[in-house]
Amino acid sequence: MSTQTSAAAAKPGSSNLKTMIGAALVVVVVGAIALDTTVVRIGSENDVRQQAFSPESYGADQFPKIQAAVTDKAVAAGELASAIAADKKAAGEKFGVATSTGPVMPVSFTGVFGEHKSNYNEVKIDGLPPEIVVRVQTGPAINGTDLRDATGTIEFGQFTNQIQFQDAGSAINNEMKKSVLASLDTAALSGKTASVVGVFKLINPKNWLVTPVKVDVK
């Protein structure tokens, strides 16, 4: 009888020991998890959402830099036309930024805007040979990636894929529309004189499709 009583008395102590060991293991595991966990504040640089590519943010960040660079390097239209007529390749190498489809040329001029057609206005520029047609993209659609490619500092390798690279170009165009074209009444530009700074891709030397970074209507 006494042996059975002793065995029965020993069971609660054994159970308590197991409970204590289990609790200790839980504390150890929780502590290890805590040590291996990094707290990420919403909006911080470690927030994955902040690491995702945002075309809108990219365009807003890059356009002012492109605008400043193009303005700094812009060549007067008359000088540029003469250089292209003399040696198209040499002019592209001297003044432009190379791309796979032709150099992007920075240009500045003052001229009289013609009627708005589709997404552009033709501009008549004094001193420019009459066979050279200059059109300025005034929207609503802005075509091409000339602004993205204008400085040579934005390259495909900086992006995850081709879609992201294209989105970057579109976002820069959209930011230009907000910063430069939003205040213009394109329907009322015809007959007005304006100073323009912009870029065009040198493919046909007699046809310049200029994407502006500045338009100052007189």
N, C-alpha and C. Protein backbone atom coordinates (compact mmCIF):
# COMPACT_ATOMS: atom_id res chain seq x y z
N MET A 1 0.84 -1.21 0.00
CA MET A 1 0.00 0.00 0.00
C MET A 1 0.86 1.25 0.00
N SER A 2 1.92 1.27 0.81
CA SER A 2 2.79 2.44 0.90
C SER A 2 3.54 2.67 -0.40
N THR A 3 3.88 1.58 -1.12
CA THR A 3 4.58 1.70 -2.40
C THR A 3 3.70 2.37 -3.43
N GLN A 4 2.43 1.98 -3.49
CA GLN A 4 1.48 2.58 -4.43
C GLN A 4 1.28 4.06 -4.13
N THR A 5 1.23 4.37 -2.83
CA THR A 5 1.03 5.77 -2.42
C THR A 5 2.20 6.63 -2.84
N SER A 6 3.43 6.08 -2.69
CA SER A 6 4.64 6.83 -3.08
C SER A 6 4.67 7.08 -4.56
N ALA A 7 4.28 6.07 -5.35
CA ALA A 7 4.27 6.21 -6.81
C ALA A 7 3.26 7.26 -7.24
N ALA A 8 2.09 7.23 -6.57
CA ALA A 8 1.05 8.19 -6.90
C ALA A 8 1.49 9.60 -6.56
N ALA A 9 2.23 9.73 -5.44
CA ALA A 9 2.69 11.05 -5.03
C ALA A 9 3.75 11.59 -5.96
N ALA A 10 4.50 10.69 -6.61
CA ALA A 10 5.59 11.12 -7.48
C ALA A 10 5.08 11.67 -8.80
N LYS A 11 3.91 11.25 -9.26
CA LYS A 11 3.39 11.64 -10.57
C LYS A 11 3.17 13.14 -10.72
N PRO A 12 2.57 13.84 -9.73
CA PRO A 12 2.39 15.28 -9.88
C PRO A 12 3.70 16.02 -10.05
N GLY A 13 4.73 15.62 -9.33
CA GLY A 13 6.03 16.28 -9.45
C GLY A 13 6.62 16.11 -10.83
N SER A 14 6.49 14.92 -11.40
CA SER A 14 6.99 14.65 -12.75
C SER A 14 6.25 15.49 -13.77
N SER A 15 4.95 15.62 -13.58
CA SER A 15 4.13 16.43 -14.50
C SER A 15 4.53 17.90 -14.45
N ASN A 16 4.79 18.39 -13.22
CA ASN A 16 5.20 19.79 -13.08
C ASN A 16 6.54 20.05 -13.76
N LEU A 17 7.45 19.08 -13.66
CA LEU A 17 8.76 19.22 -14.28
C LEU A 17 8.64 19.32 -15.79
N LYS A 18 7.78 18.47 -16.36
CA LYS A 18 7.57 18.51 -17.81
C LYS A 18 6.99 19.85 -18.24
N THR A 19 6.07 20.37 -17.43
CA THR A 19 5.45 21.67 -17.74
C THR A 19 6.49 22.78 -17.74
N MET A 20 7.37 22.73 -16.74
CA MET A 20 8.41 23.76 -16.64
C MET A 20 9.38 23.69 -17.81
N ILE A 21 9.74 22.46 -18.20
CA ILE A 21 10.66 22.29 -19.33
C ILE A 21 10.01 22.80 -20.61
N GLY A 22 8.72 22.48 -20.78
CA GLY A 22 7.99 22.93 -21.98
C GLY A 22 7.93 24.45 -22.05
N ALA A 23 7.66 25.07 -20.90
CA ALA A 23 7.57 26.53 -20.85
C ALA A 23 8.92 27.16 -21.19
N ALA A 24 9.98 26.54 -20.67
CA ALA A 24 11.32 27.06 -20.93
C ALA A 24 11.65 26.98 -22.42
N LEU A 25 11.25 25.88 -23.06
CA LEU A 25 11.50 25.72 -24.49
C LEU A 25 10.75 26.78 -25.30
N VAL A 26 9.53 27.08 -24.89
CA VAL A 26 8.74 28.11 -25.57
C VAL A 26 9.43 29.46 -25.47
N VAL A 27 9.95 29.77 -24.27
CA VAL A 27 10.65 31.04 -24.07
C VAL A 27 11.88 31.13 -24.97
N VAL A 28 12.62 30.01 -25.07
CA VAL A 28 13.83 29.98 -25.90
C VAL A 28 13.48 30.20 -27.37
N VAL A 29 12.43 29.51 -27.84
CA VAL A 29 12.03 29.63 -29.25
C VAL A 29 11.56 31.05 -29.56
N VAL A 30 10.72 31.61 -28.69
CA VAL A 30 10.22 32.97 -28.90
C VAL A 30 11.38 33.97 -28.90
N GLY A 31 12.33 33.76 -28.00
CA GLY A 31 13.49 34.64 -27.96
C GLY A 31 14.31 34.57 -29.23
N ALA A 32 14.47 33.36 -29.76
CA ALA A 32 15.23 33.18 -31.00
C ALA A 32 14.54 33.86 -32.16
N ILE A 33 13.21 33.75 -32.22
CA ILE A 33 12.45 34.41 -33.28
C ILE A 33 12.60 35.92 -33.19
N ALA A 34 12.54 36.43 -31.96
CA ALA A 34 12.66 37.87 -31.76
C ALA A 34 14.02 38.38 -32.21
N LEU A 35 15.08 37.61 -31.92
CA LEU A 35 16.42 38.02 -32.32
C LEU A 35 16.58 38.01 -33.83
N ASP A 36 15.84 37.14 -34.51
CA ASP A 36 15.98 36.99 -35.95
C ASP A 36 14.97 37.84 -36.72
N THR A 37 14.22 38.67 -36.04
CA THR A 37 13.17 39.47 -36.68
C THR A 37 13.58 40.93 -36.74
N THR A 38 13.42 41.53 -37.93
CA THR A 38 13.70 42.95 -38.11
C THR A 38 12.38 43.71 -38.19
N VAL A 39 12.26 44.72 -37.39
CA VAL A 39 11.05 45.55 -37.42
C VAL A 39 11.17 46.54 -38.56
N VAL A 40 10.21 46.53 -39.49
CA VAL A 40 10.22 47.42 -40.65
C VAL A 40 9.13 48.47 -40.49
N ARG A 41 9.55 49.72 -40.44
CA ARG A 41 8.59 50.80 -40.31
C ARG A 41 7.97 51.11 -41.66
N ILE A 42 6.65 51.29 -41.72
CA ILE A 42 5.96 51.59 -42.96
C ILE A 42 6.51 52.88 -43.55
N GLY A 43 6.88 52.80 -44.83
CA GLY A 43 7.41 53.98 -45.51
C GLY A 43 8.92 54.09 -45.46
N SER A 44 9.58 53.21 -44.67
CA SER A 44 11.03 53.26 -44.59
C SER A 44 11.64 52.62 -45.83
N GLU A 45 12.97 52.75 -45.98
CA GLU A 45 13.63 52.20 -47.16
C GLU A 45 13.57 50.68 -47.19
N ASN A 46 13.31 50.05 -46.03
CA ASN A 46 13.20 48.60 -45.98
C ASN A 46 11.79 48.09 -46.26
N ASP A 47 10.85 49.02 -46.38
CA ASP A 47 9.48 48.64 -46.71
C ASP A 47 9.46 48.16 -48.16
N VAL A 48 9.07 46.90 -48.39
CA VAL A 48 9.08 46.32 -49.73
C VAL A 48 8.26 47.17 -50.70
N ARG A 49 7.19 47.76 -50.21
CA ARG A 49 6.36 48.57 -51.09
C ARG A 49 7.12 49.77 -51.62
N GLN A 50 8.09 50.28 -50.83
CA GLN A 50 8.88 51.42 -51.27
C GLN A 50 9.92 51.00 -52.31
N GLN A 51 10.26 49.70 -52.32
CA GLN A 51 11.26 49.21 -53.25
C GLN A 51 10.67 48.93 -54.62
N ALA A 52 9.36 48.78 -54.73
CA ALA A 52 8.72 48.53 -56.00
C ALA A 52 8.84 49.76 -56.89
N PHE A 53 9.06 49.54 -58.20
CA PHE A 53 9.25 50.64 -59.13
C PHE A 53 7.96 51.42 -59.33
N SER A 54 8.04 52.72 -59.14
CA SER A 54 6.89 53.60 -59.35
C SER A 54 7.20 54.52 -60.52
N PRO A 55 6.58 54.31 -61.69
CA PRO A 55 6.84 55.18 -62.84
C PRO A 55 6.57 56.65 -62.53
N GLU A 56 5.50 56.93 -61.81
CA GLU A 56 5.15 58.33 -61.51
C GLU A 56 6.25 59.01 -60.70
N SER A 57 6.72 58.32 -59.67
CA SER A 57 7.79 58.89 -58.84
C SER A 57 9.08 59.05 -59.64
N TYR A 58 9.34 58.07 -60.49
CA TYR A 58 10.55 58.12 -61.31
C TYR A 58 10.51 59.31 -62.26
N GLY A 59 9.38 59.49 -62.93
CA GLY A 59 9.24 60.60 -63.86
C GLY A 59 9.39 61.94 -63.16
N ALA A 60 8.77 62.07 -61.99
CA ALA A 60 8.85 63.32 -61.24
C ALA A 60 10.27 63.62 -60.79
N ASP A 61 11.03 62.58 -60.50
CA ASP A 61 12.41 62.75 -60.05
C ASP A 61 13.35 63.07 -61.21
N GLN A 62 13.13 62.41 -62.35
CA GLN A 62 14.08 62.51 -63.46
C GLN A 62 13.86 63.70 -64.38
N PHE A 63 12.61 64.11 -64.60
CA PHE A 63 12.39 65.16 -65.59
C PHE A 63 13.13 66.46 -65.29
N PRO A 64 13.13 66.97 -64.06
CA PRO A 64 13.88 68.21 -63.80
C PRO A 64 15.37 68.09 -64.15
N LYS A 65 15.94 66.92 -63.93
CA LYS A 65 17.35 66.69 -64.26
C LYS A 65 17.55 66.72 -65.78
N ILE A 66 16.63 66.07 -66.49
CA ILE A 66 16.71 66.05 -67.96
C ILE A 66 16.51 67.46 -68.51
N GLN A 67 15.55 68.17 -67.96
CA GLN A 67 15.27 69.54 -68.40
C GLN A 67 16.51 70.42 -68.25
N ALA A 68 17.17 70.32 -67.12
CA ALA A 68 18.37 71.13 -66.87
C ALA A 68 19.51 70.74 -67.82
N ALA A 69 19.69 69.45 -68.05
CA ALA A 69 20.77 68.98 -68.91
C ALA A 69 20.55 69.40 -70.36
N VAL A 70 19.32 69.26 -70.84
CA VAL A 70 19.00 69.63 -72.22
C VAL A 70 19.15 71.14 -72.41
N THR A 71 18.67 71.91 -71.46
CA THR A 71 18.78 73.37 -71.53
C THR A 71 20.25 73.79 -71.59
N ASP A 72 21.07 73.12 -70.81
CA ASP A 72 22.49 73.46 -70.76
C ASP A 72 23.21 73.14 -72.07
N LYS A 73 22.78 72.07 -72.76
CA LYS A 73 23.49 71.61 -73.95
C LYS A 73 22.82 72.01 -75.27
N ALA A 74 21.67 72.65 -75.18
CA ALA A 74 20.90 72.97 -76.40
C ALA A 74 21.70 73.84 -77.36
N VAL A 75 21.60 73.50 -78.64
CA VAL A 75 22.30 74.21 -79.71
C VAL A 75 21.27 75.00 -80.51
N ALA A 76 21.60 76.23 -80.87
CA ALA A 76 20.69 77.05 -81.67
C ALA A 76 20.35 76.32 -82.97
N ALA A 77 19.08 76.39 -83.36
CA ALA A 77 18.60 75.62 -84.52
C ALA A 77 19.39 75.92 -85.78
N GLY A 78 19.72 77.19 -86.03
CA GLY A 78 20.47 77.54 -87.23
C GLY A 78 21.84 76.89 -87.26
N GLU A 79 22.54 76.95 -86.14
CA GLU A 79 23.86 76.33 -86.04
C GLU A 79 23.77 74.82 -86.22
N LEU A 80 22.76 74.23 -85.60
CA LEU A 80 22.60 72.78 -85.68
C LEU A 80 22.26 72.34 -87.10
N ALA A 81 21.39 73.10 -87.76
CA ALA A 81 21.02 72.76 -89.14
C ALA A 81 22.23 72.83 -90.07
N SER A 82 23.07 73.83 -89.89
CA SER A 82 24.28 73.96 -90.71
C SER A 82 25.23 72.79 -90.48
N ALA A 83 25.40 72.40 -89.22
CA ALA A 83 26.29 71.29 -88.90
C ALA A 83 25.77 69.98 -89.48
N ILE A 84 24.46 69.78 -89.42
CA ILE A 84 23.87 68.55 -89.96
C ILE A 84 24.01 68.51 -91.48
N ALA A 85 23.79 69.66 -92.12
CA ALA A 85 23.91 69.73 -93.58
C ALA A 85 25.34 69.45 -94.03
N ALA A 86 26.30 69.90 -93.25
CA ALA A 86 27.71 69.70 -93.60
C ALA A 86 28.14 68.26 -93.41
N ASP A 87 27.71 67.65 -92.30
CA ASP A 87 28.11 66.26 -92.00
C ASP A 87 27.18 65.72 -90.92
N LYS A 88 26.18 65.00 -91.34
CA LYS A 88 25.16 64.50 -90.41
C LYS A 88 25.76 63.64 -89.31
N LYS A 89 26.64 62.73 -89.67
CA LYS A 89 27.24 61.83 -88.68
C LYS A 89 28.08 62.60 -87.68
N ALA A 90 28.90 63.51 -88.18
CA ALA A 90 29.77 64.29 -87.29
C ALA A 90 28.94 65.18 -86.36
N ALA A 91 27.86 65.75 -86.89
CA ALA A 91 26.99 66.59 -86.06
C ALA A 91 26.34 65.77 -84.95
N GLY A 92 25.91 64.57 -85.30
CA GLY A 92 25.31 63.69 -84.29
C GLY A 92 26.28 63.33 -83.19
N GLU A 93 27.52 63.06 -83.58
CA GLU A 93 28.54 62.70 -82.59
C GLU A 93 28.94 63.89 -81.72
N LYS A 94 28.95 65.07 -82.32
CA LYS A 94 29.38 66.27 -81.58
C LYS A 94 28.31 66.78 -80.63
N PHE A 95 27.07 66.83 -81.10
CA PHE A 95 26.02 67.47 -80.32
C PHE A 95 25.02 66.50 -79.67
N GLY A 96 24.93 65.30 -80.21
CA GLY A 96 23.86 64.39 -79.78
C GLY A 96 24.29 63.32 -78.79
N VAL A 97 23.29 62.56 -78.36
CA VAL A 97 23.49 61.39 -77.50
C VAL A 97 23.07 60.18 -78.31
N ALA A 98 23.99 59.25 -78.51
CA ALA A 98 23.74 58.11 -79.38
C ALA A 98 22.67 57.18 -78.82
N THR A 99 21.81 56.68 -79.73
CA THR A 99 20.86 55.61 -79.41
C THR A 99 20.90 54.62 -80.57
N SER A 100 20.21 53.51 -80.43
CA SER A 100 20.24 52.48 -81.47
C SER A 100 19.56 52.92 -82.76
N THR A 101 18.73 53.96 -82.69
CA THR A 101 18.00 54.41 -83.88
C THR A 101 18.40 55.81 -84.33
N GLY A 102 19.46 56.35 -83.77
CA GLY A 102 19.92 57.67 -84.16
C GLY A 102 20.16 58.55 -82.95
N PRO A 103 21.02 59.56 -83.09
CA PRO A 103 21.33 60.42 -81.95
C PRO A 103 20.17 61.34 -81.57
N VAL A 104 20.05 61.60 -80.28
CA VAL A 104 19.07 62.56 -79.77
C VAL A 104 19.76 63.91 -79.66
N MET A 105 19.19 64.91 -80.35
CA MET A 105 19.84 66.21 -80.48
C MET A 105 19.14 67.27 -79.62
N PRO A 106 19.89 68.00 -78.80
CA PRO A 106 19.30 69.10 -78.03
C PRO A 106 19.28 70.38 -78.87
N VAL A 107 18.18 71.09 -78.87
CA VAL A 107 18.04 72.25 -79.76
C VAL A 107 17.25 73.37 -79.07
N SER A 108 17.53 74.59 -79.48
CA SER A 108 16.75 75.74 -79.00
C SER A 108 16.43 76.64 -80.18
N PHE A 109 15.28 77.29 -80.13
CA PHE A 109 14.88 78.18 -81.22
C PHE A 109 13.71 79.05 -80.78
N THR A 110 13.51 80.11 -81.54
CA THR A 110 12.33 80.96 -81.38
C THR A 110 11.63 81.00 -82.73
N GLY A 111 10.34 80.76 -82.73
CA GLY A 111 9.61 80.72 -83.98
C GLY A 111 8.13 80.96 -83.78
N VAL A 112 7.41 80.95 -84.90
CA VAL A 112 5.97 81.18 -84.88
C VAL A 112 5.24 79.85 -85.03
N PHE A 113 4.35 79.58 -84.09
CA PHE A 113 3.60 78.33 -84.10
C PHE A 113 2.51 78.35 -85.16
N GLY A 114 2.36 77.21 -85.82
CA GLY A 114 1.27 77.03 -86.76
C GLY A 114 0.10 76.35 -86.08
N GLU A 115 -0.86 75.93 -86.87
CA GLU A 115 -2.07 75.30 -86.35
C GLU A 115 -1.76 73.97 -85.66
N HIS A 116 -2.49 73.70 -84.60
CA HIS A 116 -2.32 72.43 -83.89
C HIS A 116 -2.92 71.29 -84.71
N LYS A 117 -2.10 70.28 -84.97
CA LYS A 117 -2.55 69.11 -85.73
C LYS A 117 -2.20 67.86 -84.95
N SER A 118 -3.19 67.03 -84.73
CA SER A 118 -2.97 65.78 -84.00
C SER A 118 -2.28 66.08 -82.67
N ASN A 119 -0.98 65.75 -82.55
CA ASN A 119 -0.27 65.94 -81.29
C ASN A 119 0.89 66.93 -81.39
N TYR A 120 0.86 67.79 -82.41
CA TYR A 120 1.99 68.70 -82.60
C TYR A 120 1.56 70.01 -83.24
N ASN A 121 2.48 70.98 -83.18
CA ASN A 121 2.35 72.24 -83.92
C ASN A 121 3.61 72.42 -84.76
N GLU A 122 3.44 72.76 -86.01
CA GLU A 122 4.60 73.10 -86.83
C GLU A 122 5.06 74.50 -86.44
N VAL A 123 6.38 74.73 -86.51
CA VAL A 123 6.94 76.02 -86.12
C VAL A 123 7.81 76.57 -87.25
N LYS A 124 7.58 77.83 -87.61
CA LYS A 124 8.39 78.50 -88.62
C LYS A 124 9.49 79.28 -87.91
N ILE A 125 10.74 78.99 -88.30
CA ILE A 125 11.89 79.58 -87.61
C ILE A 125 12.70 80.41 -88.60
N ASP A 126 12.86 81.68 -88.30
CA ASP A 126 13.66 82.56 -89.17
C ASP A 126 15.10 82.07 -89.24
N GLY A 127 15.63 82.09 -90.46
CA GLY A 127 17.03 81.70 -90.65
C GLY A 127 17.24 80.23 -90.89
N LEU A 128 16.19 79.43 -90.73
CA LEU A 128 16.31 78.00 -90.97
C LEU A 128 15.94 77.71 -92.42
N PRO A 129 16.69 76.86 -93.12
CA PRO A 129 16.35 76.54 -94.51
C PRO A 129 14.89 76.10 -94.63
N PRO A 130 14.17 76.57 -95.63
CA PRO A 130 12.73 76.28 -95.74
C PRO A 130 12.41 74.80 -95.91
N GLU A 131 13.37 74.02 -96.38
CA GLU A 131 13.11 72.59 -96.57
C GLU A 131 13.10 71.81 -95.25
N ILE A 132 13.56 72.44 -94.18
CA ILE A 132 13.54 71.76 -92.87
C ILE A 132 12.21 72.04 -92.18
N VAL A 133 11.50 70.98 -91.88
CA VAL A 133 10.21 71.08 -91.19
C VAL A 133 10.43 70.79 -89.71
N VAL A 134 10.03 71.74 -88.88
CA VAL A 134 10.17 71.57 -87.43
C VAL A 134 8.78 71.48 -86.82
N ARG A 135 8.54 70.40 -86.13
CA ARG A 135 7.27 70.21 -85.42
C ARG A 135 7.57 70.03 -83.93
N VAL A 136 6.74 70.62 -83.10
CA VAL A 136 6.89 70.51 -81.65
C VAL A 136 5.73 69.69 -81.09
N GLN A 137 6.04 68.64 -80.35
CA GLN A 137 4.99 67.83 -79.72
C GLN A 137 4.32 68.65 -78.61
N THR A 138 3.03 68.87 -78.77
CA THR A 138 2.27 69.64 -77.79
C THR A 138 1.11 68.86 -77.19
N GLY A 139 1.01 67.58 -77.51
CA GLY A 139 0.01 66.72 -76.91
C GLY A 139 -1.34 66.78 -77.62
N PRO A 140 -2.32 66.03 -77.11
CA PRO A 140 -2.27 65.38 -75.79
C PRO A 140 -1.31 64.19 -75.67
N ALA A 141 -1.08 63.45 -76.75
CA ALA A 141 -0.14 62.33 -76.66
C ALA A 141 1.27 62.82 -76.96
N ILE A 142 2.23 62.31 -76.20
CA ILE A 142 3.65 62.59 -76.45
C ILE A 142 4.30 61.27 -76.81
N ASN A 143 4.80 61.19 -78.03
CA ASN A 143 5.33 59.93 -78.53
C ASN A 143 6.85 59.85 -78.40
N GLY A 144 7.34 58.62 -78.32
CA GLY A 144 8.78 58.40 -78.31
C GLY A 144 9.39 58.44 -76.93
N THR A 145 10.69 58.15 -76.90
CA THR A 145 11.44 58.14 -75.64
C THR A 145 12.64 59.08 -75.71
N ASP A 146 12.52 60.13 -76.51
CA ASP A 146 13.65 61.04 -76.69
C ASP A 146 14.07 61.71 -75.39
N LEU A 147 13.11 62.05 -74.53
CA LEU A 147 13.47 62.67 -73.26
C LEU A 147 14.23 61.69 -72.38
N ARG A 148 13.76 60.46 -72.33
CA ARG A 148 14.45 59.44 -71.53
C ARG A 148 15.88 59.25 -72.00
N ASP A 149 16.08 59.30 -73.32
CA ASP A 149 17.39 59.00 -73.90
C ASP A 149 18.27 60.24 -74.07
N ALA A 150 17.76 61.41 -73.70
CA ALA A 150 18.43 62.67 -74.04
C ALA A 150 19.76 62.90 -73.34
N THR A 151 19.94 62.32 -72.16
CA THR A 151 21.17 62.60 -71.41
C THR A 151 22.20 61.47 -71.49
N GLY A 152 21.75 60.28 -71.86
CA GLY A 152 22.66 59.14 -71.90
C GLY A 152 22.92 58.51 -70.54
N THR A 153 22.26 59.03 -69.51
CA THR A 153 22.48 58.52 -68.16
C THR A 153 21.44 57.48 -67.74
N ILE A 154 20.36 57.36 -68.50
CA ILE A 154 19.32 56.38 -68.19
C ILE A 154 19.47 55.21 -69.16
N GLU A 155 19.79 54.04 -68.62
CA GLU A 155 20.09 52.88 -69.45
C GLU A 155 19.22 51.69 -69.07
N PHE A 156 19.07 50.77 -70.02
CA PHE A 156 18.22 49.60 -69.82
C PHE A 156 18.66 48.77 -68.61
N GLY A 157 19.97 48.68 -68.39
CA GLY A 157 20.49 47.86 -67.30
C GLY A 157 20.08 48.33 -65.92
N GLN A 158 19.54 49.53 -65.82
CA GLN A 158 19.10 50.06 -64.53
C GLN A 158 17.70 49.58 -64.16
N PHE A 159 17.06 48.83 -65.07
CA PHE A 159 15.67 48.43 -64.86
C PHE A 159 15.55 46.91 -64.87
N THR A 160 14.43 46.43 -64.34
CA THR A 160 14.21 44.99 -64.22
C THR A 160 13.95 44.35 -65.57
N ASN A 161 13.21 45.02 -66.44
CA ASN A 161 12.86 44.45 -67.73
C ASN A 161 12.51 45.56 -68.72
N GLN A 162 12.19 45.16 -69.95
CA GLN A 162 11.88 46.13 -71.01
C GLN A 162 10.62 46.92 -70.71
N ILE A 163 9.65 46.28 -70.10
CA ILE A 163 8.40 46.97 -69.77
C ILE A 163 8.67 48.12 -68.81
N GLN A 164 9.48 47.87 -67.80
CA GLN A 164 9.81 48.91 -66.83
C GLN A 164 10.59 50.04 -67.50
N PHE A 165 11.46 49.69 -68.43
CA PHE A 165 12.25 50.68 -69.17
C PHE A 165 11.33 51.58 -70.00
N GLN A 166 10.34 50.97 -70.64
CA GLN A 166 9.36 51.73 -71.42
C GLN A 166 8.49 52.60 -70.52
N ASP A 167 8.10 52.04 -69.38
CA ASP A 167 7.28 52.80 -68.43
C ASP A 167 8.03 54.05 -67.94
N ALA A 168 9.33 53.92 -67.78
CA ALA A 168 10.14 55.06 -67.34
C ALA A 168 10.07 56.18 -68.38
N GLY A 169 10.17 55.81 -69.66
CA GLY A 169 10.09 56.81 -70.72
C GLY A 169 8.74 57.49 -70.76
N SER A 170 7.68 56.71 -70.62
CA SER A 170 6.33 57.28 -70.62
C SER A 170 6.11 58.19 -69.43
N ALA A 171 6.65 57.80 -68.28
CA ALA A 171 6.48 58.60 -67.06
C ALA A 171 7.19 59.94 -67.18
N ILE A 172 8.36 59.95 -67.81
CA ILE A 172 9.09 61.20 -68.02
C ILE A 172 8.30 62.10 -68.97
N ASN A 173 7.73 61.52 -70.02
CA ASN A 173 6.89 62.30 -70.94
C ASN A 173 5.70 62.90 -70.20
N ASN A 174 5.08 62.10 -69.35
CA ASN A 174 3.91 62.58 -68.60
C ASN A 174 4.28 63.72 -67.65
N GLU A 175 5.44 63.62 -67.05
CA GLU A 175 5.88 64.68 -66.15
C GLU A 175 6.17 65.97 -66.93
N MET A 176 6.72 65.81 -68.13
CA MET A 176 6.94 66.98 -68.99
C MET A 176 5.61 67.65 -69.32
N LYS A 177 4.59 66.86 -69.61
CA LYS A 177 3.27 67.42 -69.91
C LYS A 177 2.75 68.24 -68.74
N LYS A 178 2.93 67.73 -67.53
CA LYS A 178 2.48 68.45 -66.34
C LYS A 178 3.26 69.75 -66.14
N SER A 179 4.58 69.66 -66.33
CA SER A 179 5.45 70.79 -66.01
C SER A 179 5.50 71.85 -67.10
N VAL A 180 5.37 71.41 -68.36
CA VAL A 180 5.60 72.33 -69.49
C VAL A 180 4.33 72.64 -70.28
N LEU A 181 3.55 71.61 -70.57
CA LEU A 181 2.43 71.79 -71.49
C LEU A 181 1.09 72.09 -70.82
N ALA A 182 0.97 71.76 -69.55
CA ALA A 182 -0.33 71.89 -68.88
C ALA A 182 -0.86 73.32 -68.90
N SER A 183 0.05 74.29 -68.88
CA SER A 183 -0.38 75.69 -68.84
C SER A 183 -0.61 76.29 -70.22
N LEU A 184 -0.34 75.51 -71.28
CA LEU A 184 -0.49 76.02 -72.64
C LEU A 184 -1.88 75.70 -73.19
N ASP A 185 -2.44 76.66 -73.90
CA ASP A 185 -3.68 76.42 -74.64
C ASP A 185 -3.26 76.09 -76.07
N THR A 186 -3.11 74.81 -76.36
CA THR A 186 -2.58 74.40 -77.66
C THR A 186 -3.47 74.86 -78.81
N ALA A 187 -4.75 74.97 -78.57
CA ALA A 187 -5.66 75.42 -79.62
C ALA A 187 -5.45 76.89 -79.97
N ALA A 188 -4.83 77.63 -79.05
CA ALA A 188 -4.64 79.07 -79.26
C ALA A 188 -3.19 79.43 -79.58
N LEU A 189 -2.34 78.43 -79.81
CA LEU A 189 -0.93 78.70 -80.08
C LEU A 189 -0.68 79.23 -81.49
N SER A 190 -1.55 78.90 -82.41
CA SER A 190 -1.34 79.28 -83.80
C SER A 190 -1.14 80.79 -83.95
N GLY A 191 -0.05 81.17 -84.63
CA GLY A 191 0.25 82.58 -84.85
C GLY A 191 1.06 83.23 -83.76
N LYS A 192 1.29 82.51 -82.67
CA LYS A 192 2.04 83.08 -81.55
C LYS A 192 3.52 82.72 -81.65
N THR A 193 4.35 83.64 -81.17
CA THR A 193 5.79 83.41 -81.14
C THR A 193 6.17 82.79 -79.80
N ALA A 194 7.05 81.81 -79.86
CA ALA A 194 7.47 81.14 -78.63
C ALA A 194 8.93 80.72 -78.74
N SER A 195 9.59 80.71 -77.60
CA SER A 195 10.95 80.17 -77.51
C SER A 195 10.84 78.75 -76.98
N VAL A 196 11.55 77.84 -77.63
CA VAL A 196 11.45 76.42 -77.31
C VAL A 196 12.83 75.83 -77.08
N VAL A 197 12.93 75.00 -76.08
CA VAL A 197 14.12 74.16 -75.87
C VAL A 197 13.63 72.73 -75.82
N GLY A 198 14.30 71.85 -76.55
CA GLY A 198 13.85 70.46 -76.57
C GLY A 198 14.85 69.55 -77.25
N VAL A 199 14.38 68.37 -77.59
CA VAL A 199 15.24 67.37 -78.24
C VAL A 199 14.49 66.72 -79.40
N PHE A 200 15.25 66.23 -80.37
CA PHE A 200 14.66 65.44 -81.45
C PHE A 200 15.65 64.37 -81.86
N LYS A 201 15.13 63.29 -82.41
CA LYS A 201 15.99 62.21 -82.87
C LYS A 201 16.37 62.47 -84.32
N LEU A 202 17.66 62.49 -84.58
CA LEU A 202 18.16 62.80 -85.91
C LEU A 202 18.10 61.54 -86.79
N ILE A 203 17.01 61.44 -87.53
CA ILE A 203 16.84 60.36 -88.50
C ILE A 203 16.77 60.97 -89.90
N ASN A 204 15.74 61.79 -90.11
CA ASN A 204 15.62 62.56 -91.34
C ASN A 204 16.08 63.98 -91.05
N PRO A 205 17.19 64.42 -91.64
CA PRO A 205 17.73 65.75 -91.31
C PRO A 205 16.81 66.91 -91.70
N LYS A 206 15.79 66.63 -92.50
CA LYS A 206 14.87 67.70 -92.91
C LYS A 206 13.52 67.62 -92.18
N ASN A 207 13.45 66.77 -91.19
CA ASN A 207 12.20 66.61 -90.45
C ASN A 207 12.51 66.43 -88.97
N TRP A 208 12.33 67.49 -88.19
CA TRP A 208 12.64 67.47 -86.77
C TRP A 208 11.34 67.41 -85.97
N LEU A 209 11.15 66.35 -85.22
CA LEU A 209 10.00 66.24 -84.31
C LEU A 209 10.53 66.49 -82.90
N VAL A 210 10.31 67.69 -82.41
CA VAL A 210 10.92 68.14 -81.16
C VAL A 210 10.00 67.85 -79.97
N THR A 211 10.56 67.19 -78.97
CA THR A 211 9.87 67.03 -77.69
C THR A 211 10.42 68.10 -76.76
N PRO A 212 9.57 69.03 -76.32
CA PRO A 212 10.09 70.18 -75.57
C PRO A 212 10.37 69.89 -74.11
N VAL A 213 11.30 70.66 -73.55
CA VAL A 213 11.48 70.69 -72.09
C VAL A 213 11.14 72.08 -71.56
N LYS A 214 11.07 73.06 -72.49
CA LYS A 214 10.65 74.42 -72.15
C LYS A 214 9.91 75.03 -73.33
N VAL A 215 8.82 75.71 -73.05
CA VAL A 215 8.09 76.48 -74.07
C VAL A 215 7.68 77.80 -73.43
N ASP A 216 8.24 78.89 -73.94
CA ASP A 216 7.91 80.21 -73.41
C ASP A 216 7.20 81.01 -74.50
N VAL A 217 5.90 81.18 -74.34
CA VAL A 217 5.11 81.92 -75.32
C VAL A 217 5.26 83.41 -75.06
N LYS A 218 5.55 84.15 -76.12
CA LYS A 218 5.75 85.61 -75.99
C LYS A 218 4.42 86.34 -75.87
